[in-house]
Amino acid sequence: GAQIALYGHTHKALEKEENGVTVLNPGTLSRMAREKSYLY
């Protein structure tokens, strides 16, 4: 019954709609990543 799904693991920031749910990945803050991000 959630409207939002939060996940990580891929190290890639993402925002999309799927199955009536907004799916959000904040990305990564890893030292090794070229692109670092978080979600507000």
Full PDB file with SEQRES, HELIX, SHEET, SSBOND, CRYST1, ORIGX, SCALE, CONECT and MASTER records, all heavy atoms in Angstrom:
SEQRES   1 A   40  GLY ALA GLN ILE ALA LEU TYR GLY HIS THR HIS LYS ALA          
SEQRES   2 A   40  LEU GLU LYS GLU GLU ASN GLY VAL THR VAL LEU ASN PRO          
SEQRES   3 A   40  GLY THR LEU SER ARG MET ALA ARG GLU LYS SER TYR LEU          
SEQRES   4 A   40  TYR                                                          
SHEET    1 AA1 3 ILE A   4  LEU A   6  0                                        
SHEET    2 AA1 3 VAL A  21  ASN A  25  1                                        
SHEET    3 AA1 3 LEU A  14  GLU A  18 -1                                        
CRYST1    1.000    1.000    1.000  90.00  90.00  90.00 P 1           1          
ORIGX1      1.000000  0.000000  0.000000        0.00000                         
ORIGX2      0.000000  1.000000  0.000000        0.00000                         
ORIGX3      0.000000  0.000000  1.000000        0.00000                         
SCALE1      1.000000  0.000000  0.000000        0.00000                         
SCALE2      0.000000  1.000000  0.000000        0.00000                         
SCALE3      0.000000  0.000000  1.000000        0.00000                         
ATOM      1  N   GLY A   1       0.801  -1.220   0.000  1.00  0.00           N  
ATOM      2  CA  GLY A   1       0.000   0.000   0.000  1.00  0.00           C  
ATOM      3  C   GLY A   1       0.833   1.268   0.000  1.00  0.00           C  
ATOM      4  O   GLY A   1       0.350   2.352   0.332  1.00  0.00           O  
ATOM      5  N   ALA A   2       2.107   1.134  -0.395  1.00  0.00           N  
ATOM      6  CA  ALA A   2       3.019   2.281  -0.402  1.00  0.00           C  
ATOM      7  C   ALA A   2       2.907   3.069  -1.704  1.00  0.00           C  
ATOM      8  O   ALA A   2       2.731   2.491  -2.776  1.00  0.00           O  
ATOM      9  CB  ALA A   2       4.457   1.806  -0.195  1.00  0.00           C  
ATOM     10  N   GLN A   3       3.043   4.363  -1.586  1.00  0.00           N  
ATOM     11  CA  GLN A   3       3.060   5.237  -2.761  1.00  0.00           C  
ATOM     12  C   GLN A   3       4.484   5.471  -3.264  1.00  0.00           C  
ATOM     13  O   GLN A   3       4.691   5.866  -4.403  1.00  0.00           O  
ATOM     14  CB  GLN A   3       2.414   6.599  -2.427  1.00  0.00           C  
ATOM     15  CG  GLN A   3       0.938   6.523  -2.140  1.00  0.00           C  
ATOM     16  CD  GLN A   3       0.611   6.034  -0.720  1.00  0.00           C  
ATOM     17  OE1 GLN A   3       1.437   6.066   0.179  1.00  0.00           O  
ATOM     18  NE2 GLN A   3      -0.607   5.545  -0.538  1.00  0.00           N  
ATOM     19  N   ILE A   4       5.466   5.217  -2.384  1.00  0.00           N  
ATOM     20  CA  ILE A   4       6.876   5.438  -2.699  1.00  0.00           C  
ATOM     21  C   ILE A   4       7.664   4.180  -2.364  1.00  0.00           C  
ATOM     22  O   ILE A   4       7.421   3.551  -1.333  1.00  0.00           O  
ATOM     23  CB  ILE A   4       7.452   6.621  -1.883  1.00  0.00           C  
ATOM     24  CG1 ILE A   4       6.687   7.913  -2.197  1.00  0.00           C  
ATOM     25  CG2 ILE A   4       8.942   6.791  -2.140  1.00  0.00           C  
ATOM     26  CD1 ILE A   4       7.022   9.056  -1.253  1.00  0.00           C  
ATOM     27  N   ALA A   5       8.608   3.813  -3.238  1.00  0.00           N  
ATOM     28  CA  ALA A   5       9.552   2.726  -2.964  1.00  0.00           C  
ATOM     29  C   ALA A   5      10.961   3.310  -3.013  1.00  0.00           C  
ATOM     30  O   ALA A   5      11.351   3.912  -4.020  1.00  0.00           O  
ATOM     31  CB  ALA A   5       9.415   1.604  -3.985  1.00  0.00           C  
ATOM     32  N   LEU A   6      11.712   3.141  -1.931  1.00  0.00           N  
ATOM     33  CA  LEU A   6      13.098   3.598  -1.854  1.00  0.00           C  
ATOM     34  C   LEU A   6      14.024   2.388  -1.900  1.00  0.00           C  
ATOM     35  O   LEU A   6      13.765   1.389  -1.226  1.00  0.00           O  
ATOM     36  CB  LEU A   6      13.353   4.338  -0.537  1.00  0.00           C  
ATOM     37  CG  LEU A   6      12.538   5.585  -0.251  1.00  0.00           C  
ATOM     38  CD1 LEU A   6      12.853   6.100   1.157  1.00  0.00           C  
ATOM     39  CD2 LEU A   6      12.818   6.663  -1.285  1.00  0.00           C  
ATOM     40  N   TYR A   7      15.088   2.504  -2.687  1.00  0.00           N  
ATOM     41  CA  TYR A   7      16.069   1.422  -2.743  1.00  0.00           C  
ATOM     42  C   TYR A   7      17.432   1.983  -3.120  1.00  0.00           C  
ATOM     43  O   TYR A   7      17.554   3.115  -3.595  1.00  0.00           O  
ATOM     44  CB  TYR A   7      15.646   0.350  -3.761  1.00  0.00           C  
ATOM     45  CG  TYR A   7      15.856   0.743  -5.198  1.00  0.00           C  
ATOM     46  CD1 TYR A   7      16.945   0.255  -5.919  1.00  0.00           C  
ATOM     47  CD2 TYR A   7      14.988   1.612  -5.851  1.00  0.00           C  
ATOM     48  CE1 TYR A   7      17.153   0.620  -7.245  1.00  0.00           C  
ATOM     49  CE2 TYR A   7      15.178   1.972  -7.162  1.00  0.00           C  
ATOM     50  CZ  TYR A   7      16.272   1.483  -7.863  1.00  0.00           C  
ATOM     51  OH  TYR A   7      16.476   1.851  -9.167  1.00  0.00           O  
ATOM     52  N   GLY A   8      18.471   1.184  -2.914  1.00  0.00           N  
ATOM     53  CA  GLY A   8      19.837   1.532  -3.289  1.00  0.00           C  
ATOM     54  C   GLY A   8      20.419   0.432  -4.164  1.00  0.00           C  
ATOM     55  O   GLY A   8      19.819   0.025  -5.140  1.00  0.00           O  
ATOM     56  N   HIS A   9      21.606  -0.037  -3.802  1.00  0.00           N  
ATOM     57  CA  HIS A   9      22.279  -1.202  -4.392  1.00  0.00           C  
ATOM     58  C   HIS A   9      22.912  -0.947  -5.753  1.00  0.00           C  
ATOM     59  O   HIS A   9      24.012  -1.407  -5.998  1.00  0.00           O  
ATOM     60  CB  HIS A   9      21.323  -2.389  -4.452  1.00  0.00           C  
ATOM     61  CG  HIS A   9      21.962  -3.700  -4.804  1.00  0.00           C  
ATOM     62  ND1 HIS A   9      23.020  -4.221  -4.098  1.00  0.00           N  
ATOM     63  CD2 HIS A   9      21.671  -4.590  -5.782  1.00  0.00           C  
ATOM     64  CE1 HIS A   9      23.368  -5.382  -4.631  1.00  0.00           C  
ATOM     65  NE2 HIS A   9      22.574  -5.632  -5.652  1.00  0.00           N  
ATOM     66  N   THR A  10      22.266  -0.230  -6.646  1.00  0.00           N  
ATOM     67  CA  THR A  10      22.780  -0.074  -8.015  1.00  0.00           C  
ATOM     68  C   THR A  10      23.811   1.047  -8.141  1.00  0.00           C  
ATOM     69  O   THR A  10      24.510   1.112  -9.148  1.00  0.00           O  
ATOM     70  CB  THR A  10      21.644   0.228  -9.008  1.00  0.00           C  
ATOM     71  OG1 THR A  10      21.071   1.493  -8.696  1.00  0.00           O  
ATOM     72  CG2 THR A  10      20.593  -0.862  -8.988  1.00  0.00           C  
ATOM     73  N   HIS A  11      23.872   1.930  -7.152  1.00  0.00           N  
ATOM     74  CA  HIS A  11      24.740   3.115  -7.163  1.00  0.00           C  
ATOM     75  C   HIS A  11      24.320   4.126  -8.233  1.00  0.00           C  
ATOM     76  O   HIS A  11      25.079   5.038  -8.534  1.00  0.00           O  
ATOM     77  CB  HIS A  11      26.216   2.739  -7.370  1.00  0.00           C  
ATOM     78  CG  HIS A  11      26.809   1.976  -6.235  1.00  0.00           C  
ATOM     79  ND1 HIS A  11      28.152   1.979  -5.967  1.00  0.00           N  
ATOM     80  CD2 HIS A  11      26.246   1.180  -5.280  1.00  0.00           C  
ATOM     81  CE1 HIS A  11      28.399   1.216  -4.915  1.00  0.00           C  
ATOM     82  NE2 HIS A  11      27.248   0.725  -4.480  1.00  0.00           N  
ATOM     83  N   LYS A  12      23.129   3.972  -8.784  1.00  0.00           N  
ATOM     84  CA  LYS A  12      22.648   4.891  -9.830  1.00  0.00           C  
ATOM     85  C   LYS A  12      21.351   5.550  -9.364  1.00  0.00           C  
ATOM     86  O   LYS A  12      20.365   4.873  -9.084  1.00  0.00           O  
ATOM     87  CB  LYS A  12      22.399   4.136 -11.125  1.00  0.00           C  
ATOM     88  CG  LYS A  12      23.672   3.599 -11.724  1.00  0.00           C  
ATOM     89  CD  LYS A  12      23.415   2.868 -13.012  1.00  0.00           C  
ATOM     90  CE  LYS A  12      24.752   2.384 -13.543  1.00  0.00           C  
ATOM     91  NZ  LYS A  12      24.659   1.189 -14.316  1.00  0.00           N  
ATOM     92  N   ALA A  13      21.379   6.866  -9.303  1.00  0.00           N  
ATOM     93  CA  ALA A  13      20.181   7.609  -8.915  1.00  0.00           C  
ATOM     94  C   ALA A  13      19.094   7.383  -9.967  1.00  0.00           C  
ATOM     95  O   ALA A  13      19.374   7.285 -11.160  1.00  0.00           O  
ATOM     96  CB  ALA A  13      20.507   9.091  -8.800  1.00  0.00           C  
ATOM     97  N   LEU A  14      17.851   7.284  -9.476  1.00  0.00           N  
ATOM     98  CA  LEU A  14      16.736   7.012 -10.383  1.00  0.00           C  
ATOM     99  C   LEU A  14      15.452   7.546  -9.778  1.00  0.00           C  
ATOM    100  O   LEU A  14      15.266   7.504  -8.556  1.00  0.00           O  
ATOM    101  CB  LEU A  14      16.592   5.509 -10.604  1.00  0.00           C  
ATOM    102  CG  LEU A  14      15.412   5.071 -11.465  1.00  0.00           C  
ATOM    103  CD1 LEU A  14      15.796   5.103 -12.930  1.00  0.00           C  
ATOM    104  CD2 LEU A  14      14.940   3.696 -11.068  1.00  0.00           C  
ATOM    105  N   GLU A  15      14.583   8.027 -10.640  1.00  0.00           N  
ATOM    106  CA  GLU A  15      13.244   8.441 -10.241  1.00  0.00           C  
ATOM    107  C   GLU A  15      12.309   8.062 -11.378  1.00  0.00           C  
ATOM    108  O   GLU A  15      12.493   8.489 -12.519  1.00  0.00           O  
ATOM    109  CB  GLU A  15      13.216   9.951 -10.006  1.00  0.00           C  
ATOM    110  CG  GLU A  15      11.887  10.464  -9.551  1.00  0.00           C  
ATOM    111  CD  GLU A  15      11.931  11.942  -9.190  1.00  0.00           C  
ATOM    112  OE1 GLU A  15      12.967  12.602  -9.410  1.00  0.00           O  
ATOM    113  OE2 GLU A  15      10.909  12.436  -8.704  1.00  0.00           O  
ATOM    114  N   LYS A  16      11.307   7.207 -11.074  1.00  0.00           N  
ATOM    115  CA  LYS A  16      10.352   6.805 -12.100  1.00  0.00           C  
ATOM    116  C   LYS A  16       9.064   6.310 -11.468  1.00  0.00           C  
ATOM    117  O   LYS A  16       9.022   6.019 -10.265  1.00  0.00           O  
ATOM    118  CB  LYS A  16      10.939   5.751 -13.027  1.00  0.00           C  
ATOM    119  CG  LYS A  16      11.083   4.369 -12.425  1.00  0.00           C  
ATOM    120  CD  LYS A  16      11.599   3.399 -13.469  1.00  0.00           C  
ATOM    121  CE  LYS A  16      11.643   1.982 -12.957  1.00  0.00           C  
ATOM    122  NZ  LYS A  16      12.064   1.043 -13.977  1.00  0.00           N  
ATOM    123  N   GLU A  17       8.025   6.207 -12.279  1.00  0.00           N  
ATOM    124  CA  GLU A  17       6.731   5.656 -11.860  1.00  0.00           C  
ATOM    125  C   GLU A  17       6.619   4.237 -12.402  1.00  0.00           C  
ATOM    126  O   GLU A  17       6.952   3.983 -13.560  1.00  0.00           O  
ATOM    127  CB  GLU A  17       5.588   6.498 -12.426  1.00  0.00           C  
ATOM    128  CG  GLU A  17       5.515   7.903 -11.903  1.00  0.00           C  
ATOM    129  CD  GLU A  17       5.060   7.978 -10.472  1.00  0.00           C  
ATOM    130  OE1 GLU A  17       4.189   7.178 -10.067  1.00  0.00           O  
ATOM    131  OE2 GLU A  17       5.590   8.834  -9.739  1.00  0.00           O  
ATOM    132  N   GLU A  18       6.131   3.327 -11.554  1.00  0.00           N  
ATOM    133  CA  GLU A  18       5.960   1.941 -11.981  1.00  0.00           C  
ATOM    134  C   GLU A  18       4.944   1.269 -11.068  1.00  0.00           C  
ATOM    135  O   GLU A  18       5.034   1.390  -9.845  1.00  0.00           O  
ATOM    136  CB  GLU A  18       7.315   1.219 -11.905  1.00  0.00           C  
ATOM    137  CG  GLU A  18       7.316  -0.178 -12.451  1.00  0.00           C  
ATOM    138  CD  GLU A  18       8.718  -0.756 -12.472  1.00  0.00           C  
ATOM    139  OE1 GLU A  18       9.356  -0.834 -11.388  1.00  0.00           O  
ATOM    140  OE2 GLU A  18       9.182  -1.116 -13.555  1.00  0.00           O  
ATOM    141  N   ASN A  19       3.978   0.580 -11.648  1.00  0.00           N  
ATOM    142  CA  ASN A  19       2.946  -0.121 -10.877  1.00  0.00           C  
ATOM    143  C   ASN A  19       2.208   0.812  -9.910  1.00  0.00           C  
ATOM    144  O   ASN A  19       1.817   0.408  -8.821  1.00  0.00           O  
ATOM    145  CB  ASN A  19       3.534  -1.308 -10.099  1.00  0.00           C  
ATOM    146  CG  ASN A  19       3.981  -2.430 -10.991  1.00  0.00           C  
ATOM    147  OD1 ASN A  19       3.343  -2.728 -11.997  1.00  0.00           O  
ATOM    148  ND2 ASN A  19       5.090  -3.066 -10.636  1.00  0.00           N  
ATOM    149  N   GLY A  20       2.054   2.086 -10.300  1.00  0.00           N  
ATOM    150  CA  GLY A  20       1.369   3.046  -9.445  1.00  0.00           C  
ATOM    151  C   GLY A  20       2.195   3.532  -8.270  1.00  0.00           C  
ATOM    152  O   GLY A  20       1.678   4.169  -7.354  1.00  0.00           O  
ATOM    153  N   VAL A  21       3.494   3.256  -8.293  1.00  0.00           N  
ATOM    154  CA  VAL A  21       4.413   3.608  -7.208  1.00  0.00           C  
ATOM    155  C   VAL A  21       5.528   4.494  -7.772  1.00  0.00           C  
ATOM    156  O   VAL A  21       6.022   4.237  -8.873  1.00  0.00           O  
ATOM    157  CB  VAL A  21       5.032   2.330  -6.583  1.00  0.00           C  
ATOM    158  CG1 VAL A  21       6.088   2.663  -5.543  1.00  0.00           C  
ATOM    159  CG2 VAL A  21       3.945   1.444  -5.992  1.00  0.00           C  
ATOM    160  N   THR A  22       5.919   5.508  -7.028  1.00  0.00           N  
ATOM    161  CA  THR A  22       7.102   6.292  -7.396  1.00  0.00           C  
ATOM    162  C   THR A  22       8.318   5.566  -6.835  1.00  0.00           C  
ATOM    163  O   THR A  22       8.423   5.372  -5.620  1.00  0.00           O  
ATOM    164  CB  THR A  22       7.022   7.722  -6.852  1.00  0.00           C  
ATOM    165  OG1 THR A  22       5.866   8.358  -7.408  1.00  0.00           O  
ATOM    166  CG2 THR A  22       8.260   8.518  -7.238  1.00  0.00           C  
ATOM    167  N   VAL A  23       9.211   5.158  -7.710  1.00  0.00           N  
ATOM    168  CA  VAL A  23      10.410   4.405  -7.348  1.00  0.00           C  
ATOM    169  C   VAL A  23      11.591   5.375  -7.337  1.00  0.00           C  
ATOM    170  O   VAL A  23      11.839   6.060  -8.332  1.00  0.00           O  
ATOM    171  CB  VAL A  23      10.644   3.253  -8.351  1.00  0.00           C  
ATOM    172  CG1 VAL A  23      11.902   2.487  -8.007  1.00  0.00           C  
ATOM    173  CG2 VAL A  23       9.433   2.334  -8.397  1.00  0.00           C  
ATOM    174  N   LEU A  24      12.302   5.421  -6.207  1.00  0.00           N  
ATOM    175  CA  LEU A  24      13.385   6.386  -6.028  1.00  0.00           C  
ATOM    176  C   LEU A  24      14.654   5.707  -5.520  1.00  0.00           C  
ATOM    177  O   LEU A  24      14.605   4.934  -4.570  1.00  0.00           O  
ATOM    178  CB  LEU A  24      12.975   7.459  -5.014  1.00  0.00           C  
ATOM    179  CG  LEU A  24      11.749   8.296  -5.359  1.00  0.00           C  
ATOM    180  CD1 LEU A  24      11.290   9.088  -4.136  1.00  0.00           C  
ATOM    181  CD2 LEU A  24      12.053   9.216  -6.524  1.00  0.00           C  
ATOM    182  N   ASN A  25      15.760   6.008  -6.160  1.00  0.00           N  
ATOM    183  CA  ASN A  25      17.076   5.556  -5.717  1.00  0.00           C  
ATOM    184  C   ASN A  25      17.929   6.808  -5.530  1.00  0.00           C  
ATOM    185  O   ASN A  25      18.079   7.592  -6.470  1.00  0.00           O  
ATOM    186  CB  ASN A  25      17.703   4.635  -6.764  1.00  0.00           C  
ATOM    187  CG  ASN A  25      19.029   4.052  -6.325  1.00  0.00           C  
ATOM    188  OD1 ASN A  25      19.835   4.702  -5.671  1.00  0.00           O  
ATOM    189  ND2 ASN A  25      19.291   2.817  -6.714  1.00  0.00           N  
ATOM    190  N   PRO A  26      18.496   7.018  -4.333  1.00  0.00           N  
ATOM    191  CA  PRO A  26      19.286   8.225  -4.092  1.00  0.00           C  
ATOM    192  C   PRO A  26      20.664   8.217  -4.738  1.00  0.00           C  
ATOM    193  O   PRO A  26      21.358   9.232  -4.729  1.00  0.00           O  
ATOM    194  CB  PRO A  26      19.421   8.254  -2.569  1.00  0.00           C  
ATOM    195  CG  PRO A  26      19.367   6.819  -2.176  1.00  0.00           C  
ATOM    196  CD  PRO A  26      18.387   6.182  -3.138  1.00  0.00           C  
ATOM    197  N   GLY A  27      21.080   7.096  -5.302  1.00  0.00           N  
ATOM    198  CA  GLY A  27      22.438   6.986  -5.828  1.00  0.00           C  
ATOM    199  C   GLY A  27      23.389   6.545  -4.733  1.00  0.00           C  
ATOM    200  O   GLY A  27      23.004   5.845  -3.800  1.00  0.00           O  
ATOM    201  N   THR A  28      24.628   6.982  -4.811  1.00  0.00           N  
ATOM    202  CA  THR A  28      25.666   6.539  -3.875  1.00  0.00           C  
ATOM    203  C   THR A  28      26.494   7.718  -3.385  1.00  0.00           C  
ATOM    204  O   THR A  28      26.570   8.754  -4.052  1.00  0.00           O  
ATOM    205  CB  THR A  28      26.596   5.514  -4.546  1.00  0.00           C  
ATOM    206  OG1 THR A  28      27.576   5.060  -3.591  1.00  0.00           O  
ATOM    207  CG2 THR A  28      27.321   6.073  -5.754  1.00  0.00           C  
ATOM    208  N   LEU A  29      27.108   7.532  -2.238  1.00  0.00           N  
ATOM    209  CA  LEU A  29      28.089   8.480  -1.716  1.00  0.00           C  
ATOM    210  C   LEU A  29      29.470   7.826  -1.633  1.00  0.00           C  
ATOM    211  O   LEU A  29      30.380   8.358  -1.005  1.00  0.00           O  
ATOM    212  CB  LEU A  29      27.677   8.982  -0.326  1.00  0.00           C  
ATOM    213  CG  LEU A  29      26.429   9.857  -0.283  1.00  0.00           C  
ATOM    214  CD1 LEU A  29      26.075  10.208   1.157  1.00  0.00           C  
ATOM    215  CD2 LEU A  29      26.607  11.113  -1.107  1.00  0.00           C  
ATOM    216  N   SER A  30      29.646   6.685  -2.271  1.00  0.00           N  
ATOM    217  CA  SER A  30      30.902   5.952  -2.236  1.00  0.00           C  
ATOM    218  C   SER A  30      32.057   6.808  -2.754  1.00  0.00           C  
ATOM    219  O   SER A  30      31.911   7.557  -3.719  1.00  0.00           O  
ATOM    220  CB  SER A  30      30.782   4.692  -3.096  1.00  0.00           C  
ATOM    221  OG  SER A  30      32.035   4.064  -3.245  1.00  0.00           O  
ATOM    222  N   ARG A  31      33.221   6.676  -2.107  1.00  0.00           N  
ATOM    223  CA  ARG A  31      34.425   7.400  -2.553  1.00  0.00           C  
ATOM    224  C   ARG A  31      34.761   7.085  -4.000  1.00  0.00           C  
ATOM    225  O   ARG A  31      35.288   7.923  -4.718  1.00  0.00           O  
ATOM    226  CB  ARG A  31      35.620   7.011  -1.681  1.00  0.00           C  
ATOM    227  CG  ARG A  31      35.652   7.646  -0.332  1.00  0.00           C  
ATOM    228  CD  ARG A  31      36.951   7.300   0.380  1.00  0.00           C  
ATOM    229  NE  ARG A  31      37.036   5.886   0.689  1.00  0.00           N  
ATOM    230  CZ  ARG A  31      36.650   5.339   1.827  1.00  0.00           C  
ATOM    231  NH1 ARG A  31      36.176   6.095   2.780  1.00  0.00           N  
ATOM    232  NH2 ARG A  31      36.746   4.058   2.039  1.00  0.00           N  
ATOM    233  N   MET A  32      34.498   5.863  -4.428  1.00  0.00           N  
ATOM    234  CA  MET A  32      34.907   5.414  -5.757  1.00  0.00           C  
ATOM    235  C   MET A  32      33.964   5.891  -6.873  1.00  0.00           C  
ATOM    236  O   MET A  32      34.291   5.777  -8.041  1.00  0.00           O  
ATOM    237  CB  MET A  32      34.989   3.888  -5.783  1.00  0.00           C  
ATOM    238  CG  MET A  32      35.880   3.319  -4.692  1.00  0.00           C  
ATOM    239  SD  MET A  32      37.485   4.114  -4.629  1.00  0.00           S  
ATOM    240  CE  MET A  32      38.431   2.931  -5.523  1.00  0.00           C  
ATOM    241  N   ALA A  33      32.814   6.408  -6.524  1.00  0.00           N  
ATOM    242  CA  ALA A  33      31.827   6.795  -7.533  1.00  0.00           C  
ATOM    243  C   ALA A  33      32.208   8.113  -8.202  1.00  0.00           C  
ATOM    244  O   ALA A  33      32.655   9.050  -7.547  1.00  0.00           O  
ATOM    245  CB  ALA A  33      30.456   6.929  -6.896  1.00  0.00           C  
ATOM    246  N   ARG A  34      32.019   8.157  -9.509  1.00  0.00           N  
ATOM    247  CA  ARG A  34      32.237   9.410 -10.238  1.00  0.00           C  
ATOM    248  C   ARG A  34      31.116  10.399  -9.949  1.00  0.00           C  
ATOM    249  O   ARG A  34      31.330  11.592  -9.877  1.00  0.00           O  
ATOM    250  CB  ARG A  34      32.344   9.154 -11.737  1.00  0.00           C  
ATOM    251  CG  ARG A  34      33.630   8.446 -12.112  1.00  0.00           C  
ATOM    252  CD  ARG A  34      34.037   8.611 -13.561  1.00  0.00           C  
ATOM    253  NE  ARG A  34      33.009   8.426 -14.543  1.00  0.00           N  
ATOM    254  CZ  ARG A  34      32.811   7.341 -15.269  1.00  0.00           C  
ATOM    255  NH1 ARG A  34      33.602   6.305 -15.106  1.00  0.00           N  
ATOM    256  NH2 ARG A  34      31.862   7.271 -16.161  1.00  0.00           N  
ATOM    257  N   GLU A  35      29.901   9.870  -9.825  1.00  0.00           N  
ATOM    258  CA  GLU A  35      28.747  10.714  -9.507  1.00  0.00           C  
ATOM    259  C   GLU A  35      28.214  10.328  -8.141  1.00  0.00           C  
ATOM    260  O   GLU A  35      27.833   9.184  -7.920  1.00  0.00           O  
ATOM    261  CB  GLU A  35      27.655  10.533 -10.565  1.00  0.00           C  
ATOM    262  CG  GLU A  35      28.066  11.027 -11.927  1.00  0.00           C  
ATOM    263  CD  GLU A  35      26.968  10.874 -12.955  1.00  0.00           C  
ATOM    264  OE1 GLU A  35      25.807  10.580 -12.599  1.00  0.00           O  
ATOM    265  OE2 GLU A  35      27.275  11.044 -14.137  1.00  0.00           O  
ATOM    266  N   LYS A  36      28.212  11.301  -7.233  1.00  0.00           N  
ATOM    267  CA  LYS A  36      27.700  11.077  -5.879  1.00  0.00           C  
ATOM    268  C   LYS A  36      26.404  11.862  -5.714  1.00  0.00           C  
ATOM    269  O   LYS A  36      26.285  12.986  -6.204  1.00  0.00           O  
ATOM    270  CB  LYS A  36      28.716  11.540  -4.845  1.00  0.00           C  
ATOM    271  CG  LYS A  36      30.007  10.753  -4.859  1.00  0.00           C  
ATOM    272  CD  LYS A  36      31.000  11.352  -3.880  1.00  0.00           C  
ATOM    273  CE  LYS A  36      32.316  10.629  -3.870  1.00  0.00           C  
ATOM    274  NZ  LYS A  36      32.999  10.570  -5.129  1.00  0.00           N  
ATOM    275  N   SER A  37      25.442  11.261  -5.010  1.00  0.00           N  
ATOM    276  CA  SER A  37      24.166  11.945  -4.828  1.00  0.00           C  
ATOM    277  C   SER A  37      23.419  11.388  -3.622  1.00  0.00           C  
ATOM    278  O   SER A  37      23.748  10.332  -3.093  1.00  0.00           O  
ATOM    279  CB  SER A  37      23.298  11.805  -6.080  1.00  0.00           C  
ATOM    280  OG  SER A  37      23.039  10.445  -6.370  1.00  0.00           O  
ATOM    281  N   TYR A  38      22.415  12.144  -3.208  1.00  0.00           N  
ATOM    282  CA  TYR A  38      21.472  11.705  -2.180  1.00  0.00           C  
ATOM    283  C   TYR A  38      20.096  12.201  -2.593  1.00  0.00           C  
ATOM    284  O   TYR A  38      19.952  12.933  -3.585  1.00  0.00           O  
ATOM    285  CB  TYR A  38      21.881  12.191  -0.782  1.00  0.00           C  
ATOM    286  CG  TYR A  38      21.831  13.685  -0.583  1.00  0.00           C  
ATOM    287  CD1 TYR A  38      20.696  14.319  -0.068  1.00  0.00           C  
ATOM    288  CD2 TYR A  38      22.935  14.490  -0.886  1.00  0.00           C  
ATOM    289  CE1 TYR A  38      20.657  15.686   0.128  1.00  0.00           C  
ATOM    290  CE2 TYR A  38      22.899  15.855  -0.694  1.00  0.00           C  
ATOM    291  CZ  TYR A  38      21.756  16.444  -0.189  1.00  0.00           C  
ATOM    292  OH  TYR A  38      21.715  17.801   0.002  1.00  0.00           O  
ATOM    293  N   LEU A  39      19.077  11.810  -1.849  1.00  0.00           N  
ATOM    294  CA  LEU A  39      17.699  12.162  -2.173  1.00  0.00           C  
ATOM    295  C   LEU A  39      17.130  13.057  -1.083  1.00  0.00           C  
ATOM    296  O   LEU A  39      17.302  12.779   0.110  1.00  0.00           O  
ATOM    297  CB  LEU A  39      16.849  10.892  -2.284  1.00  0.00           C  
ATOM    298  CG  LEU A  39      15.358  11.082  -2.520  1.00  0.00           C  
ATOM    299  CD1 LEU A  39      15.092  11.615  -3.924  1.00  0.00           C  
ATOM    300  CD2 LEU A  39      14.623   9.762  -2.318  1.00  0.00           C  
ATOM    301  N   TYR A  40      16.474  14.127  -1.496  1.00  0.00           N  
ATOM    302  CA  TYR A  40      15.751  15.009  -0.587  1.00  0.00           C  
ATOM    303  C   TYR A  40      14.276  14.858  -0.913  1.00  0.00           C  
ATOM    304  O   TYR A  40      13.860  15.067  -2.048  1.00  0.00           O  
ATOM    305  CB  TYR A  40      16.215  16.455  -0.779  1.00  0.00           C  
ATOM    306  CG  TYR A  40      15.804  17.382   0.332  1.00  0.00           C  
ATOM    307  CD1 TYR A  40      16.489  17.405   1.537  1.00  0.00           C  
ATOM    308  CD2 TYR A  40      14.732  18.251   0.174  1.00  0.00           C  
ATOM    309  CE1 TYR A  40      16.123  18.258   2.563  1.00  0.00           C  
ATOM    310  CE2 TYR A  40      14.356  19.112   1.196  1.00  0.00           C  
ATOM    311  CZ  TYR A  40      15.058  19.113   2.378  1.00  0.00           C  
ATOM    312  OH  TYR A  40      14.684  19.956   3.398  1.00  0.00           O  
TER     313      TYR A  40                                                      
MASTER        0    0    0    0    3    0    0    6  312    1    0    4          
END                                                                             
